[in-house]
């Protein structure tokens, strides 16, 4: 969702805020919003990283199942 800085400044001015104050307020809000928003490329990179982590966890879980099965077979078979 884009933040329309001109519209916000004009709204503040229409409400009685001095133009310089309105501009400073809008700049501050705009900087805060831009710092906190994730871009599509940020989310894509995070998704790729998570998919890699999930693949690793699946492999590790599979290895643990195989190892535990071997241990149980060794313990309970003559």
Protein backbone atom coordinates (compact mmCIF):
# COMPACT_ATOMS: atom_id res chain seq x y z
CA UNK A 1 0.00 0.00 0.00
CA UNK A 2 1.75 3.19 -1.14
CA UNK A 3 1.74 6.21 1.15
CA UNK A 4 0.71 9.40 -0.66
CA UNK A 5 2.89 12.02 1.04
CA UNK A 6 1.46 14.97 -0.90
CA UNK A 7 -2.11 14.05 -0.01
CA UNK A 8 -1.16 13.55 3.65
CA UNK A 9 0.59 16.94 3.80
CA UNK A 10 -2.36 18.69 2.17
CA UNK A 11 -4.76 17.00 4.60
CA UNK A 12 -2.70 18.20 7.55
CA UNK A 13 -2.52 21.71 6.11
CA UNK A 14 -6.29 21.74 5.57
CA UNK A 15 -6.67 20.80 9.25
CA UNK A 16 -4.67 23.88 10.26
CA UNK A 17 -1.14 22.53 10.56
CA UNK A 18 1.61 24.84 9.31
CA UNK A 19 3.02 23.71 5.93
CA UNK A 20 6.57 23.14 7.27
CA UNK A 21 5.24 21.15 10.22
CA UNK A 22 2.96 19.13 7.94
CA UNK A 23 5.89 18.34 5.65
CA UNK A 24 8.08 17.30 8.59
CA UNK A 25 5.34 15.09 10.02
CA UNK A 26 4.70 13.41 6.69
CA UNK A 27 8.43 12.87 6.09
CA UNK A 28 8.75 11.24 9.51
CA UNK A 29 5.78 8.93 8.96
CA UNK A 30 6.93 8.07 5.45
CA UNK A 31 10.44 7.18 6.65
CA UNK A 32 9.02 4.98 9.41
CA UNK A 33 6.70 3.17 7.01
CA UNK A 34 9.38 2.59 4.39
CA UNK A 35 11.82 1.17 6.94
CA UNK A 36 9.31 -1.38 8.24
CA UNK A 37 7.73 -2.63 5.02
CA UNK A 38 9.03 -5.76 3.35
CA UNK A 39 9.34 -5.70 -0.41
CA UNK A 40 8.35 -8.55 -2.69
CA UNK A 41 12.03 -9.41 -3.22
CA UNK A 42 12.54 -9.51 0.58
CA UNK A 43 9.70 -12.01 0.90
CA UNK A 44 10.96 -14.07 -2.04
CA UNK A 45 14.43 -14.32 -0.51
CA UNK A 46 12.98 -15.28 2.86
CA UNK A 47 10.78 -17.93 1.24
CA UNK A 48 13.77 -19.48 -0.54
CA UNK A 49 15.73 -19.55 2.72
CA UNK A 50 12.86 -21.17 4.58
CA UNK A 51 12.38 -23.80 1.88
CA UNK A 52 16.06 -24.73 2.22
CA UNK A 53 15.75 -24.98 5.99
CA UNK A 54 12.63 -27.15 5.68
CA UNK A 55 14.43 -29.50 3.25
CA UNK A 56 17.30 -29.84 5.71
CA UNK A 57 14.93 -30.58 8.59
CA UNK A 58 13.12 -33.23 6.54
CA UNK A 59 16.43 -34.91 5.75
CA UNK A 60 17.52 -34.80 9.39
CA UNK A 61 14.19 -36.21 10.57
CA UNK A 62 14.41 -39.03 8.04
CA UNK A 63 17.94 -39.86 9.18
CA UNK A 64 16.77 -39.97 12.80
CA UNK A 65 13.91 -42.30 11.93
CA UNK A 66 16.29 -44.67 10.14
CA UNK A 67 18.79 -44.61 13.01
CA UNK A 68 16.12 -45.19 15.64
CA UNK A 69 14.63 -48.02 13.62
CA UNK A 70 18.07 -49.65 13.43
CA UNK A 71 18.56 -49.28 17.17
CA UNK A 72 15.13 -50.75 17.96
CA UNK A 73 15.68 -53.66 15.60
CA UNK A 74 19.07 -54.34 17.20
CA UNK A 75 17.57 -54.23 20.71
CA UNK A 76 14.49 -56.37 20.13
CA UNK A 77 15.53 -58.96 17.57
CA UNK A 78 17.51 -62.06 18.48
